[in-house]
PDB file of N, CA and C in Angstrom:
ATOM      1  N   MET A   1      81.573 -58.115 103.954  1.00  0.00           N
ATOM      2  CA  MET A   1      82.621 -58.416 102.998  1.00  0.00           C
ATOM      3  C   MET A   1      83.561 -59.439 103.622  1.00  0.00           C
ATOM      4  N   GLU A   2      84.823 -59.197 103.549  1.00  0.00           N
ATOM      5  CA  GLU A   2      85.802 -60.166 104.032  1.00  0.00           C
ATOM      6  C   GLU A   2      86.823 -59.505 104.960  1.00  0.00           C
ATOM      7  N   LYS A   3      87.365 -60.256 105.884  1.00  0.00           N
ATOM      8  CA  LYS A   3      88.525 -59.887 106.694  1.00  0.00           C
ATOM      9  C   LYS A   3      88.501 -58.461 107.222  1.00  0.00           C
ATOM     10  N   ASN A   4      87.505 -58.132 108.004  1.00  0.00           N
ATOM     11  CA  ASN A   4      87.432 -56.831 108.675  1.00  0.00           C
ATOM     12  C   ASN A   4      87.146 -55.656 107.752  1.00  0.00           C
ATOM     13  N   PHE A   5      86.658 -55.911 106.555  1.00  0.00           N
ATOM     14  CA  PHE A   5      86.258 -54.839 105.645  1.00  0.00           C
ATOM     15  C   PHE A   5      84.742 -54.720 105.675  1.00  0.00           C
ATOM     16  N   TYR A   6      84.273 -53.481 105.589  1.00  0.00           N
ATOM     17  CA  TYR A   6      82.844 -53.221 105.683  1.00  0.00           C
ATOM     18  C   TYR A   6      82.437 -52.187 104.649  1.00  0.00           C
ATOM     19  N   LEU A   7      81.244 -52.323 104.155  1.00  0.00           N
ATOM     20  CA  LEU A   7      80.647 -51.290 103.319  1.00  0.00           C
ATOM     21  C   LEU A   7      79.796 -50.454 104.266  1.00  0.00           C
ATOM     22  N   ALA A   8      80.245 -49.232 104.502  1.00  0.00           N
ATOM     23  CA  ALA A   8      79.539 -48.337 105.420  1.00  0.00           C
ATOM     24  C   ALA A   8      78.608 -47.440 104.615  1.00  0.00           C
ATOM     25  N   LYS A   9      77.503 -47.062 105.220  1.00  0.00           N
ATOM     26  CA  LYS A   9      76.520 -46.252 104.504  1.00  0.00           C
ATOM     27  C   LYS A   9      75.958 -45.216 105.458  1.00  0.00           C
ATOM     28  N   TRP A  10      75.849 -44.008 104.967  1.00  0.00           N
ATOM     29  CA  TRP A  10      75.305 -42.913 105.760  1.00  0.00           C
ATOM     30  C   TRP A  10      74.565 -41.985 104.817  1.00  0.00           C
ATOM     31  N   ASP A  11      73.316 -41.724 105.083  1.00  0.00           N
ATOM     32  CA  ASP A  11      72.511 -40.828 104.243  1.00  0.00           C
ATOM     33  C   ASP A  11      72.631 -41.154 102.758  1.00  0.00           C
ATOM     34  N   ASP A  12      72.408 -42.402 102.406  1.00  0.00           N
ATOM     35  CA  ASP A  12      72.449 -42.856 101.013  1.00  0.00           C
ATOM     36  C   ASP A  12      73.815 -42.721 100.365  1.00  0.00           C
ATOM     37  N   ASN A  13      74.872 -42.605 101.152  1.00  0.00           N
ATOM     38  CA  ASN A  13      76.210 -42.542 100.598  1.00  0.00           C
ATOM     39  C   ASN A  13      77.015 -43.692 101.182  1.00  0.00           C
ATOM     40  N   SER A  14      77.871 -44.310 100.369  1.00  0.00           N
ATOM     41  CA  SER A  14      78.594 -45.501 100.801  1.00  0.00           C
ATOM     42  C   SER A  14      80.094 -45.329 100.626  1.00  0.00           C
ATOM     43  N   TRP A  15      80.831 -45.994 101.508  1.00  0.00           N
ATOM     44  CA  TRP A  15      82.277 -46.042 101.388  1.00  0.00           C
ATOM     45  C   TRP A  15      82.745 -47.378 101.947  1.00  0.00           C
ATOM     46  N   ILE A  16      84.010 -47.718 101.684  1.00  0.00           N
ATOM     47  CA  ILE A  16      84.570 -48.970 102.189  1.00  0.00           C
ATOM     48  C   ILE A  16      85.482 -48.635 103.358  1.00  0.00           C
ATOM     49  N   SER A  17      85.283 -49.357 104.442  1.00  0.00           N
ATOM     50  CA  SER A  17      86.011 -49.095 105.672  1.00  0.00           C
ATOM     51  C   SER A  17      86.670 -50.384 106.149  1.00  0.00           C
ATOM     52  N   TYR A  18      87.768 -50.236 106.892  1.00  0.00           N
ATOM     53  CA  TYR A  18      88.487 -51.369 107.450  1.00  0.00           C
ATOM     54  C   TYR A  18      88.619 -51.149 108.942  1.00  0.00           C
ATOM     55  N   THR A  19      88.297 -52.139 109.724  1.00  0.00           N
ATOM     56  CA  THR A  19      88.483 -52.006 111.152  1.00  0.00           C
ATOM     57  C   THR A  19      88.852 -53.349 111.764  1.00  0.00           C
ATOM     58  N   LYS A  20      89.764 -53.274 112.679  1.00  0.00           N
ATOM     59  CA  LYS A  20      90.188 -54.413 113.464  1.00  0.00           C
ATOM     60  C   LYS A  20      89.977 -54.018 114.923  1.00  0.00           C
ATOM     61  N   ASP A  21      89.844 -54.941 115.798  1.00  0.00           N
ATOM     62  CA  ASP A  21      89.713 -54.648 117.224  1.00  0.00           C
ATOM     63  C   ASP A  21      88.440 -53.873 117.547  1.00  0.00           C
ATOM     64  N   ASP A  22      87.366 -54.092 116.799  1.00  0.00           N
ATOM     65  CA  ASP A  22      86.065 -53.483 117.067  1.00  0.00           C
ATOM     66  C   ASP A  22      86.067 -51.956 117.066  1.00  0.00           C
ATOM     67  N   ASP A  23      86.998 -51.346 116.342  1.00  0.00           N
ATOM     68  CA  ASP A  23      87.010 -49.898 116.190  1.00  0.00           C
ATOM     69  C   ASP A  23      85.857 -49.511 115.272  1.00  0.00           C
ATOM     70  N   SER A  24      85.370 -48.308 115.363  1.00  0.00           N
ATOM     71  CA  SER A  24      84.216 -47.889 114.574  1.00  0.00           C
ATOM     72  C   SER A  24      84.532 -47.820 113.089  1.00  0.00           C
ATOM     73  N   ILE A  25      83.632 -48.348 112.270  1.00  0.00           N
ATOM     74  CA  ILE A  25      83.803 -48.263 110.819  1.00  0.00           C
ATOM     75  C   ILE A  25      83.584 -46.841 110.325  1.00  0.00           C
ATOM     76  N   PHE A  26      83.071 -45.963 111.188  1.00  0.00           N
ATOM     77  CA  PHE A  26      82.808 -44.578 110.797  1.00  0.00           C
ATOM     78  C   PHE A  26      83.964 -43.641 111.130  1.00  0.00           C
ATOM     79  N   ASN A  27      85.027 -44.142 111.769  1.00  0.00           N
ATOM     80  CA  ASN A  27      86.199 -43.306 112.021  1.00  0.00           C
ATOM     81  C   ASN A  27      86.890 -42.999 110.701  1.00  0.00           C
ATOM     82  N   THR A  28      87.249 -41.753 110.496  1.00  0.00           N
ATOM     83  CA  THR A  28      87.840 -41.358 109.216  1.00  0.00           C
ATOM     84  C   THR A  28      89.130 -42.104 108.924  1.00  0.00           C
ATOM     85  N   GLU A  29      89.910 -42.447 109.953  1.00  0.00           N
ATOM     86  CA  GLU A  29      91.174 -43.151 109.707  1.00  0.00           C
ATOM     87  C   GLU A  29      90.963 -44.586 109.236  1.00  0.00           C
ATOM     88  N   ASN A  30      89.741 -45.097 109.348  1.00  0.00           N
ATOM     89  CA  ASN A  30      89.450 -46.465 108.913  1.00  0.00           C
ATOM     90  C   ASN A  30      88.901 -46.535 107.490  1.00  0.00           C
ATOM     91  N   ILE A  31      88.701 -45.403 106.862  1.00  0.00           N
ATOM     92  CA  ILE A  31      88.121 -45.394 105.521  1.00  0.00           C
ATOM     93  C   ILE A  31      89.190 -45.707 104.488  1.00  0.00           C
ATOM     94  N   VAL A  32      88.926 -46.711 103.673  1.00  0.00           N
ATOM     95  CA  VAL A  32      89.859 -47.143 102.639  1.00  0.00           C
ATOM     96  C   VAL A  32      89.501 -46.507 101.300  1.00  0.00           C
ATOM     97  N   ILE A  33      88.224 -46.520 100.955  1.00  0.00           N
ATOM     98  CA  ILE A  33      87.738 -45.859  99.738  1.00  0.00           C
ATOM     99  C   ILE A  33      86.616 -44.928 100.169  1.00  0.00           C
ATOM    100  N   GLY A  34      86.780 -43.644  99.878  1.00  0.00           N
ATOM    101  CA  GLY A  34      85.852 -42.619 100.334  1.00  0.00           C
ATOM    102  C   GLY A  34      84.480 -42.720  99.719  1.00  0.00           C
ATOM    103  N   HIS A  35      83.640 -41.774 100.098  1.00  0.00           N
ATOM    104  CA  HIS A  35      82.238 -41.772  99.699  1.00  0.00           C
ATOM    105  C   HIS A  35      82.048 -41.847  98.185  1.00  0.00           C
ATOM    106  N   ASN A  36      80.822 -42.133  97.802  1.00  0.00           N
ATOM    107  CA  ASN A  36      80.389 -42.299  96.417  1.00  0.00           C
ATOM    108  C   ASN A  36      80.823 -43.635  95.812  1.00  0.00           C
ATOM    109  N   VAL A  37      81.025 -44.650  96.645  1.00  0.00           N
ATOM    110  CA  VAL A  37      81.266 -46.001  96.143  1.00  0.00           C
ATOM    111  C   VAL A  37      79.936 -46.520  95.613  1.00  0.00           C
ATOM    112  N   PHE A  38      79.940 -47.006  94.366  1.00  0.00           N
ATOM    113  CA  PHE A  38      78.672 -47.489  93.812  1.00  0.00           C
ATOM    114  C   PHE A  38      78.703 -48.949  93.386  1.00  0.00           C
ATOM    115  N   ALA A  39      79.863 -49.606  93.456  1.00  0.00           N
ATOM    116  CA  ALA A  39      79.929 -51.024  93.105  1.00  0.00           C
ATOM    117  C   ALA A  39      81.007 -51.693  93.946  1.00  0.00           C
ATOM    118  N   VAL A  40      80.655 -52.840  94.552  1.00  0.00           N
ATOM    119  CA  VAL A  40      81.606 -53.597  95.366  1.00  0.00           C
ATOM    120  C   VAL A  40      81.359 -55.081  95.147  1.00  0.00           C
ATOM    121  N   GLY A  41      82.438 -55.806  94.895  1.00  0.00           N
ATOM    122  CA  GLY A  41      82.390 -57.258  94.798  1.00  0.00           C
ATOM    123  C   GLY A  41      83.613 -57.828  95.486  1.00  0.00           C
ATOM    124  N   ASN A  42      83.596 -59.118  95.773  1.00  0.00           N
ATOM    125  CA  ASN A  42      84.764 -59.700  96.428  1.00  0.00           C
ATOM    126  C   ASN A  42      84.783 -61.212  96.263  1.00  0.00           C
ATOM    127  N   ASN A  43      85.977 -61.744  96.442  1.00  0.00           N
ATOM    128  CA  ASN A  43      86.158 -63.169  96.674  1.00  0.00           C
ATOM    129  C   ASN A  43      87.014 -63.262  97.933  1.00  0.00           C
ATOM    130  N   LYS A  44      87.572 -64.417  98.256  1.00  0.00           N
ATOM    131  CA  LYS A  44      88.294 -64.542  99.525  1.00  0.00           C
ATOM    132  C   LYS A  44      89.629 -63.805  99.544  1.00  0.00           C
ATOM    133  N   ASP A  45      90.156 -63.407  98.375  1.00  0.00           N
ATOM    134  CA  ASP A  45      91.468 -62.765  98.302  1.00  0.00           C
ATOM    135  C   ASP A  45      91.438 -61.292  97.925  1.00  0.00           C
ATOM    136  N   PHE A  46      90.376 -60.847  97.272  1.00  0.00           N
ATOM    137  CA  PHE A  46      90.342 -59.486  96.743  1.00  0.00           C
ATOM    138  C   PHE A  46      88.959 -58.864  96.892  1.00  0.00           C
ATOM    139  N   ILE A  47      88.960 -57.542  97.039  1.00  0.00           N
ATOM    140  CA  ILE A  47      87.742 -56.748  96.971  1.00  0.00           C
ATOM    141  C   ILE A  47      87.912 -55.822  95.780  1.00  0.00           C
ATOM    142  N   VAL A  48      86.913 -55.731  94.935  1.00  0.00           N
ATOM    143  CA  VAL A  48      86.949 -54.805  93.799  1.00  0.00           C
ATOM    144  C   VAL A  48      85.849 -53.772  93.998  1.00  0.00           C
ATOM    145  N   GLY A  49      86.132 -52.544  93.579  1.00  0.00           N
ATOM    146  CA  GLY A  49      85.142 -51.491  93.771  1.00  0.00           C
ATOM    147  C   GLY A  49      85.246 -50.400  92.736  1.00  0.00           C
ATOM    148  N   LYS A  50      84.155 -49.658  92.604  1.00  0.00           N
ATOM    149  CA  LYS A  50      84.096 -48.515  91.700  1.00  0.00           C
ATOM    150  C   LYS A  50      83.536 -47.334  92.481  1.00  0.00           C
ATOM    151  N   GLN A  51      84.053 -46.157  92.180  1.00  0.00           N
ATOM    152  CA  GLN A  51      83.658 -44.972  92.926  1.00  0.00           C
ATOM    153  C   GLN A  51      83.782 -43.742  92.032  1.00  0.00           C
ATOM    154  N   HIS A  52      82.874 -42.807  92.232  1.00  0.00           N
ATOM    155  CA  HIS A  52      82.986 -41.502  91.587  1.00  0.00           C
ATOM    156  C   HIS A  52      83.549 -40.533  92.621  1.00  0.00           C
ATOM    157  N   PRO A  53      84.580 -39.759  92.269  1.00  0.00           N
ATOM    158  CA  PRO A  53      85.075 -38.779  93.241  1.00  0.00           C
ATOM    159  C   PRO A  53      84.070 -37.643  93.410  1.00  0.00           C
ATOM    160  N   CYS A  54      84.244 -36.880  94.455  1.00  0.00           N
ATOM    161  CA  CYS A  54      83.369 -35.725  94.689  1.00  0.00           C
ATOM    162  C   CYS A  54      83.744 -34.586  93.756  1.00  0.00           C
ATOM    163  N   LYS A  55      82.751 -33.791  93.425  1.00  0.00           N
ATOM    164  CA  LYS A  55      83.029 -32.570  92.669  1.00  0.00           C
ATOM    165  C   LYS A  55      83.830 -31.601  93.522  1.00  0.00           C
ATOM    166  N   ASN A  56      83.599 -31.621  94.832  1.00  0.00           N
ATOM    167  CA  ASN A  56      84.339 -30.788  95.772  1.00  0.00           C
ATOM    168  C   ASN A  56      85.740 -31.382  95.945  1.00  0.00           C
ATOM    169  N   LYS A  57      86.776 -30.667  95.545  1.00  0.00           N
ATOM    170  CA  LYS A  57      88.146 -31.182  95.586  1.00  0.00           C
ATOM    171  C   LYS A  57      88.844 -30.933  96.915  1.00  0.00           C
ATOM    172  N   GLU A  58      88.221 -30.146  97.801  1.00  0.00           N
ATOM    173  CA  GLU A  58      88.833 -29.870  99.098  1.00  0.00           C
ATOM    174  C   GLU A  58      88.699 -31.085 100.007  1.00  0.00           C
ATOM    175  N   GLU A  59      89.636 -31.228 100.963  1.00  0.00           N
ATOM    176  CA  GLU A  59      89.569 -32.323 101.925  1.00  0.00           C
ATOM    177  C   GLU A  59      88.267 -32.217 102.721  1.00  0.00           C
ATOM    178  N   HIS A  60      87.536 -33.287 102.808  1.00  0.00           N
ATOM    179  CA  HIS A  60      86.310 -33.313 103.590  1.00  0.00           C
ATOM    180  C   HIS A  60      85.913 -34.756 103.829  1.00  0.00           C
ATOM    181  N   PHE A  61      85.093 -34.966 104.838  1.00  0.00           N
ATOM    182  CA  PHE A  61      84.587 -36.305 105.087  1.00  0.00           C
ATOM    183  C   PHE A  61      83.070 -36.262 105.255  1.00  0.00           C
ATOM    184  N   ILE A  62      82.604 -35.484 106.189  1.00  0.00           N
ATOM    185  CA  ILE A  62      81.175 -35.458 106.457  1.00  0.00           C
ATOM    186  C   ILE A  62      80.639 -34.041 106.221  1.00  0.00           C
ATOM    187  N   ASP A  63      80.813 -33.566 105.035  1.00  0.00           N
ATOM    188  CA  ASP A  63      80.227 -32.291 104.621  1.00  0.00           C
ATOM    189  C   ASP A  63      79.205 -32.683 103.561  1.00  0.00           C
ATOM    190  N   PHE A  64      77.995 -33.025 104.002  1.00  0.00           N
ATOM    191  CA  PHE A  64      77.039 -33.658 103.109  1.00  0.00           C
ATOM    192  C   PHE A  64      76.626 -32.792 101.929  1.00  0.00           C
ATOM    193  N   ASP A  65      76.781 -31.486 102.042  1.00  0.00           N
ATOM    194  CA  ASP A  65      76.468 -30.626 100.903  1.00  0.00           C
ATOM    195  C   ASP A  65      77.489 -30.758  99.791  1.00  0.00           C
ATOM    196  N   SER A  66      78.664 -31.294 100.115  1.00  0.00           N
ATOM    197  CA  SER A  66      79.733 -31.356  99.117  1.00  0.00           C
ATOM    198  C   SER A  66      79.960 -32.763  98.571  1.00  0.00           C
ATOM    199  N   LEU A  67      79.085 -33.699  98.873  1.00  0.00           N
ATOM    200  CA  LEU A  67      79.277 -35.080  98.443  1.00  0.00           C
ATOM    201  C   LEU A  67      78.725 -35.354  97.050  1.00  0.00           C
ATOM    202  N   ILE A  68      78.507 -34.325  96.279  1.00  0.00           N
ATOM    203  CA  ILE A  68      77.966 -34.499  94.937  1.00  0.00           C
ATOM    204  C   ILE A  68      79.008 -35.208  94.081  1.00  0.00           C
ATOM    205  N   PRO A  69      78.676 -36.371  93.541  1.00  0.00           N
ATOM    206  CA  PRO A  69      79.665 -37.131  92.766  1.00  0.00           C
ATOM    207  C   PRO A  69      79.914 -36.521  91.388  1.00  0.00           C
ATOM    208  N   ASN A  70      81.147 -36.622  90.961  1.00  0.00           N
ATOM    209  CA  ASN A  70      81.508 -36.239  89.604  1.00  0.00           C
ATOM    210  C   ASN A  70      81.395 -37.503  88.754  1.00  0.00           C
ATOM    211  N   LYS A  71      80.258 -37.702  88.125  1.00  0.00           N
ATOM    212  CA  LYS A  71      80.008 -38.933  87.381  1.00  0.00           C
ATOM    213  C   LYS A  71      80.770 -38.998  86.065  1.00  0.00           C
ATOM    214  N   GLU A  72      81.481 -37.941  85.729  1.00  0.00           N
ATOM    215  CA  GLU A  72      82.323 -37.965  84.528  1.00  0.00           C
ATOM    216  C   GLU A  72      83.632 -38.719  84.783  1.00  0.00           C
ATOM    217  N   ILE A  73      83.928 -38.965  86.063  1.00  0.00           N
ATOM    218  CA  ILE A  73      85.164 -39.666  86.443  1.00  0.00           C
ATOM    219  C   ILE A  73      84.780 -40.897  87.255  1.00  0.00           C
ATOM    220  N   THR A  74      85.403 -42.023  86.943  1.00  0.00           N
ATOM    221  CA  THR A  74      85.221 -43.236  87.735  1.00  0.00           C
ATOM    222  C   THR A  74      86.582 -43.721  88.187  1.00  0.00           C
ATOM    223  N   ASN A  75      86.705 -43.981  89.484  1.00  0.00           N
ATOM    224  CA  ASN A  75      87.909 -44.587  90.046  1.00  0.00           C
ATOM    225  C   ASN A  75      87.617 -46.060  90.279  1.00  0.00           C
ATOM    226  N   PHE A  76      88.601 -46.893  89.986  1.00  0.00           N
ATOM    227  CA  PHE A  76      88.473 -48.341  90.125  1.00  0.00           C
ATOM    228  C   PHE A  76      89.489 -48.811  91.159  1.00  0.00           C
ATOM    229  N   PHE A  77      89.106 -49.785  91.981  1.00  0.00           N
ATOM    230  CA  PHE A  77      89.970 -50.235  93.068  1.00  0.00           C
ATOM    231  C   PHE A  77      90.022 -51.754  93.144  1.00  0.00           C
ATOM    232  N   ILE A  78      91.200 -52.245  93.493  1.00  0.00           N
ATOM    233  CA  ILE A  78      91.383 -53.640  93.880  1.00  0.00           C
ATOM    234  C   ILE A  78      92.077 -53.606  95.229  1.00  0.00           C
ATOM    235  N   ILE A  79      91.453 -54.226  96.226  1.00  0.00           N
ATOM    236  CA  ILE A  79      92.054 -54.309  97.551  1.00  0.00           C
ATOM    237  C   ILE A  79      92.518 -55.747  97.737  1.00  0.00           C
ATOM    238  N   ASP A  80      93.821 -55.926  97.875  1.00  0.00           N
ATOM    239  CA  ASP A  80      94.421 -57.243  98.063  1.00  0.00           C
ATOM    240  C   ASP A  80      94.355 -57.572  99.551  1.00  0.00           C
ATOM    241  N   ILE A  81      93.542 -58.556  99.912  1.00  0.00           N
ATOM    242  CA  ILE A  81      93.342 -58.892 101.326  1.00  0.00           C
ATOM    243  C   ILE A  81      93.938 -60.261 101.665  1.00  0.00           C
ATOM    244  N   ARG A  82      94.899 -60.706 100.882  1.00  0.00           N
ATOM    245  CA  ARG A  82      95.507 -62.011 101.141  1.00  0.00           C
ATOM    246  C   ARG A  82      96.351 -62.007 102.405  1.00  0.00           C
ATOM    247  N   ASN A  83      96.842 -60.849 102.823  1.00  0.00           N
ATOM    248  CA  ASN A  83      97.637 -60.722 104.047  1.00  0.00           C
ATOM    249  C   ASN A  83      96.932 -59.758 104.991  1.00  0.00           C
ATOM    250  N   ASP A  84      97.352 -59.756 106.253  1.00  0.00           N
ATOM    251  CA  ASP A  84      96.762 -58.819 107.211  1.00  0.00           C
ATOM    252  C   ASP A  84      97.042 -57.374 106.832  1.00  0.00           C
ATOM    253  N   ASP A  85      98.175 -57.117 106.199  1.00  0.00           N
ATOM    254  CA  ASP A  85      98.483 -55.775 105.703  1.00  0.00           C
ATOM    255  C   ASP A  85      97.942 -55.668 104.288  1.00  0.00           C
ATOM    256  N   PHE A  86      96.716 -55.194 104.159  1.00  0.00           N
ATOM    257  CA  PHE A  86      96.080 -55.126 102.851  1.00  0.00           C
ATOM    258  C   PHE A  86      96.752 -54.065 101.987  1.00  0.00           C
ATOM    259  N   LYS A  87      96.636 -54.217 100.672  1.00  0.00           N
ATOM    260  CA  LYS A  87      97.204 -53.257  99.722  1.00  0.00           C
ATOM    261  C   LYS A  87      96.095 -52.823  98.778  1.00  0.00           C
ATOM    262  N   VAL A  88      96.005 -51.508  98.567  1.00  0.00           N
ATOM    263  CA  VAL A  88      94.990 -50.952  97.684  1.00  0.00           C
ATOM    264  C   VAL A  88      95.642 -50.550  96.368  1.00  0.00           C
ATOM    265  N   HIS A  89      95.100 -51.050  95.277  1.00  0.00           N
ATOM    266  CA  HIS A  89      95.535 -50.675  93.927  1.00  0.00           C
ATOM    267  C   HIS A  89      94.415 -49.825  93.340  1.00  0.00           C
ATOM    268  N   SER A  90      94.755 -48.642  92.841  1.00  0.00           N
ATOM    269  CA  SER A  90      93.714 -47.772  92.286  1.00  0.00           C
ATOM    270  C   SER A  90      94.034 -47.425  90.840  1.00  0.00           C
ATOM    271  N   PHE A  91      92.970 -47.239  90.073  1.00  0.00           N
ATOM    272  CA  PHE A  91      93.085 -46.995  88.637  1.00  0.00           C
ATOM    273  C   PHE A  91      92.080 -45.932  88.224  1.00  0.00           C
ATOM    274  N   ASN A  92      92.433 -45.163  87.212  1.00  0.00           N
ATOM    275  CA  ASN A  92      91.491 -44.155  86.729  1.00  0.00           C
ATOM    276  C   ASN A  92      90.892 -44.518  85.382  1.00  0.00           C
ATOM    277  N   ASN A  93      91.138 -45.771  84.935  1.00  0.00           N
ATOM    278  CA  ASN A  93      90.454 -46.245  83.730  1.00  0.00           C
ATOM    279  C   ASN A  93      90.192 -47.749  83.847  1.00  0.00           C
ATOM    280  N   GLU A  94      89.144 -48.172  83.188  1.00  0.00           N
ATOM    281  CA  GLU A  94      88.692 -49.558  83.312  1.00  0.00           C
ATOM    282  C   GLU A  94      89.646 -50.555  82.663  1.00  0.00           C
ATOM    283  N   ASN A  95      90.353 -50.140  81.626  1.00  0.00           N
ATOM    284  CA  ASN A  95      91.293 -51.034  80.957  1.00  0.00           C
ATOM    285  C   ASN A  95      92.420 -51.449  81.909  1.00  0.00           C
ATOM    286  N   ASP A  96      93.019 -50.480  82.614  1.00  0.00           N
ATOM    287  CA  ASP A  96      94.082 -50.808  83.571  1.00  0.00           C
ATOM    288  C   ASP A  96      93.539 -51.661  84.721  1.00  0.00           C
ATOM    289  N   PHE A  97      92.332 -51.359  85.157  1.00  0.00           N
ATOM    290  CA  PHE A  97      91.660 -52.128  86.200  1.00  0.00           C
ATOM    291  C   PHE A  97      91.487 -53.584  85.757  1.00  0.00           C
ATOM    292  N   ASP A  98      90.984 -53.788  84.532  1.00  0.00           N
ATOM    293  CA  ASP A  98      90.791 -55.145  84.012  1.00  0.00           C
ATOM    294  C   ASP A  98      92.114 -55.876  83.835  1.00  0.00           C
ATOM    295  N   ASN A  99      93.159 -55.164  83.392  1.00  0.00           N
ATOM    296  CA  ASN A  99      94.477 -55.782  83.244  1.00  0.00           C
ATOM    297  C   ASN A  99      95.029 -56.239  84.586  1.00  0.00           C
ATOM    298  N   CYS A 100      94.831 -55.436  85.628  1.00  0.00           N
ATOM    299  CA  CYS A 100      95.309 -55.824  86.955  1.00  0.00           C
ATOM    300  C   CYS A 100      94.498 -56.993  87.501  1.00  0.00           C
ATOM    301  N   LYS A 101      93.188 -56.991  87.276  1.00  0.00           N
ATOM    302  CA  LYS A 101      92.376 -58.140  87.690  1.00  0.00           C
ATOM    303  C   LYS A 101      92.894 -59.404  87.012  1.00  0.00           C
ATOM    304  N   ASN A 102      93.214 -59.317  85.732  1.00  0.00           N
ATOM    305  CA  ASN A 102      93.768 -60.455  85.003  1.00  0.00           C
ATOM    306  C   ASN A 102      95.107 -60.881  85.603  1.00  0.00           C
ATOM    307  N   HIS A 103      95.963 -59.904  85.918  1.00  0.00           N
ATOM    308  CA  HIS A 103      97.278 -60.189  86.520  1.00  0.00           C
ATOM    309  C   HIS A 103      97.137 -60.962  87.832  1.00  0.00           C
ATOM    310  N   PHE A 104      96.175 -60.579  88.651  1.00  0.00           N
ATOM    311  CA  PHE A 104      95.954 -61.236  89.937  1.00  0.00           C
ATOM    312  C   PHE A 104      95.117 -62.500  89.821  1.00  0.00           C
ATOM    313  N   GLY A 105      94.604 -62.788  88.633  1.00  0.00           N
ATOM    314  CA  GLY A 105      93.770 -63.973  88.461  1.00  0.00           C
ATOM    315  C   GLY A 105      92.364 -63.794  89.007  1.00  0.00           C
ATOM    316  N   ILE A 106      91.917 -62.546  89.085  1.00  0.00           N
ATOM    317  CA  ILE A 106      90.557 -62.276  89.547  1.00  0.00           C
ATOM    318  C   ILE A 106      89.622 -62.469  88.358  1.00  0.00           C
ATOM    319  N   PRO A 107      88.671 -63.357  88.465  1.00  0.00           N
ATOM    320  CA  PRO A 107      87.770 -63.573  87.327  1.00  0.00           C
ATOM    321  C   PRO A 107      87.008 -62.307  86.968  1.00  0.00           C
ATOM    322  N   LYS A 108      86.835 -62.071  85.687  1.00  0.00           N
ATOM    323  CA  LYS A 108      86.052 -60.915  85.243  1.00  0.00           C
ATOM    324  C   LYS A 108      84.623 -61.021  85.732  1.00  0.00           C
ATOM    325  N   SER A 109      84.222 -62.234  86.054  1.00  0.00           N
ATOM    326  CA  SER A 109      82.835 -62.462  86.456  1.00  0.00           C
ATOM    327  C   SER A 109      82.602 -62.303  87.958  1.00  0.00           C
ATOM    328  N   VAL A 110      83.599 -61.772  88.717  1.00  0.00           N
ATOM    329  CA  VAL A 110      83.352 -61.560  90.144  1.00  0.00           C
ATOM    330  C   VAL A 110      82.147 -60.627  90.256  1.00  0.00           C
ATOM    331  N   PRO A 111      81.070 -61.101  90.857  1.00  0.00           N
ATOM    332  CA  PRO A 111      79.847 -60.284  90.865  1.00  0.00           C
ATOM    333  C   PRO A 111      79.951 -59.114  91.834  1.00  0.00           C
ATOM    334  N   TYR A 112      79.294 -58.037  91.468  1.00  0.00           N
ATOM    335  CA  TYR A 112      79.181 -56.906  92.380  1.00  0.00           C
ATOM    336  C   TYR A 112      78.017 -57.203  93.311  1.00  0.00           C
ATOM    337  N   LYS A 113      78.323 -57.473  94.566  1.00  0.00           N
ATOM    338  CA  LYS A 113      77.298 -57.798  95.549  1.00  0.00           C
ATOM    339  C   LYS A 113      76.541 -56.554  95.973  1.00  0.00           C
ATOM    340  N   PHE A 114      77.162 -55.414  95.793  1.00  0.00           N
ATOM    341  CA  PHE A 114      76.512 -54.130  96.028  1.00  0.00           C
ATOM    342  C   PHE A 114      76.655 -53.317  94.754  1.00  0.00           C
ATOM    343  N   TYR A 115      75.557 -52.796  94.243  1.00  0.00           N
ATOM    344  CA  TYR A 115      75.602 -51.962  93.044  1.00  0.00           C
ATOM    345  C   TYR A 115      74.496 -50.924  93.142  1.00  0.00           C
ATOM    346  N   ASP A 116      74.870 -49.664  93.156  1.00  0.00           N
ATOM    347  CA  ASP A 116      73.919 -48.564  93.274  1.00  0.00           C
ATOM    348  C   ASP A 116      73.684 -47.976  91.894  1.00  0.00           C
ATOM    349  N   LYS A 117      72.590 -48.370  91.249  1.00  0.00           N
ATOM    350  CA  LYS A 117      72.276 -47.894  89.891  1.00  0.00           C
ATOM    351  C   LYS A 117      72.095 -46.368  89.853  1.00  0.00           C
ATOM    352  N   TYR A 118      71.557 -45.803  90.936  1.00  0.00           N
ATOM    353  CA  TYR A 118      71.338 -44.356  90.978  1.00  0.00           C
ATOM    354  C   TYR A 118      72.659 -43.595  90.934  1.00  0.00           C
ATOM    355  N   LEU A 119      73.649 -44.078  91.660  1.00  0.00           N
ATOM    356  CA  LEU A 119      74.946 -43.389  91.695  1.00  0.00           C
ATOM    357  C   LEU A 119      75.787 -43.693  90.477  1.00  0.00           C
ATOM    358  N   GLU A 120      75.558 -44.831  89.856  1.00  0.00           N
ATOM    359  CA  GLU A 120      76.333 -45.223  88.687  1.00  0.00           C
ATOM    360  C   GLU A 120      76.357 -44.071  87.730  1.00  0.00           C
TER     361      GLU A 120
END
């Protein structure tokens, strides 16, 4: 991706991680968007993503039995990477997500470079 952001994958599950100074992308403190990320696109200023939250509502990171996605809910994200201090904007509906993309001047046509049809 861009500027120290990575799409991490473990056992067919993906999340977005940020690391500077060669720290591990698998450290929990580096995770920006948790598991069940199924769509990621970017340009030089923004990263956009879609994710289904886990059905398990308890705090967890690597409890693989509990990573079952709740496909009835989709979370949408815009990560502003124009500065070193990135800002994450999150939305629980596509309309607000599209409005924010419009506000930032992010083209609707920013392609998803990663798209997991199975998780969708």
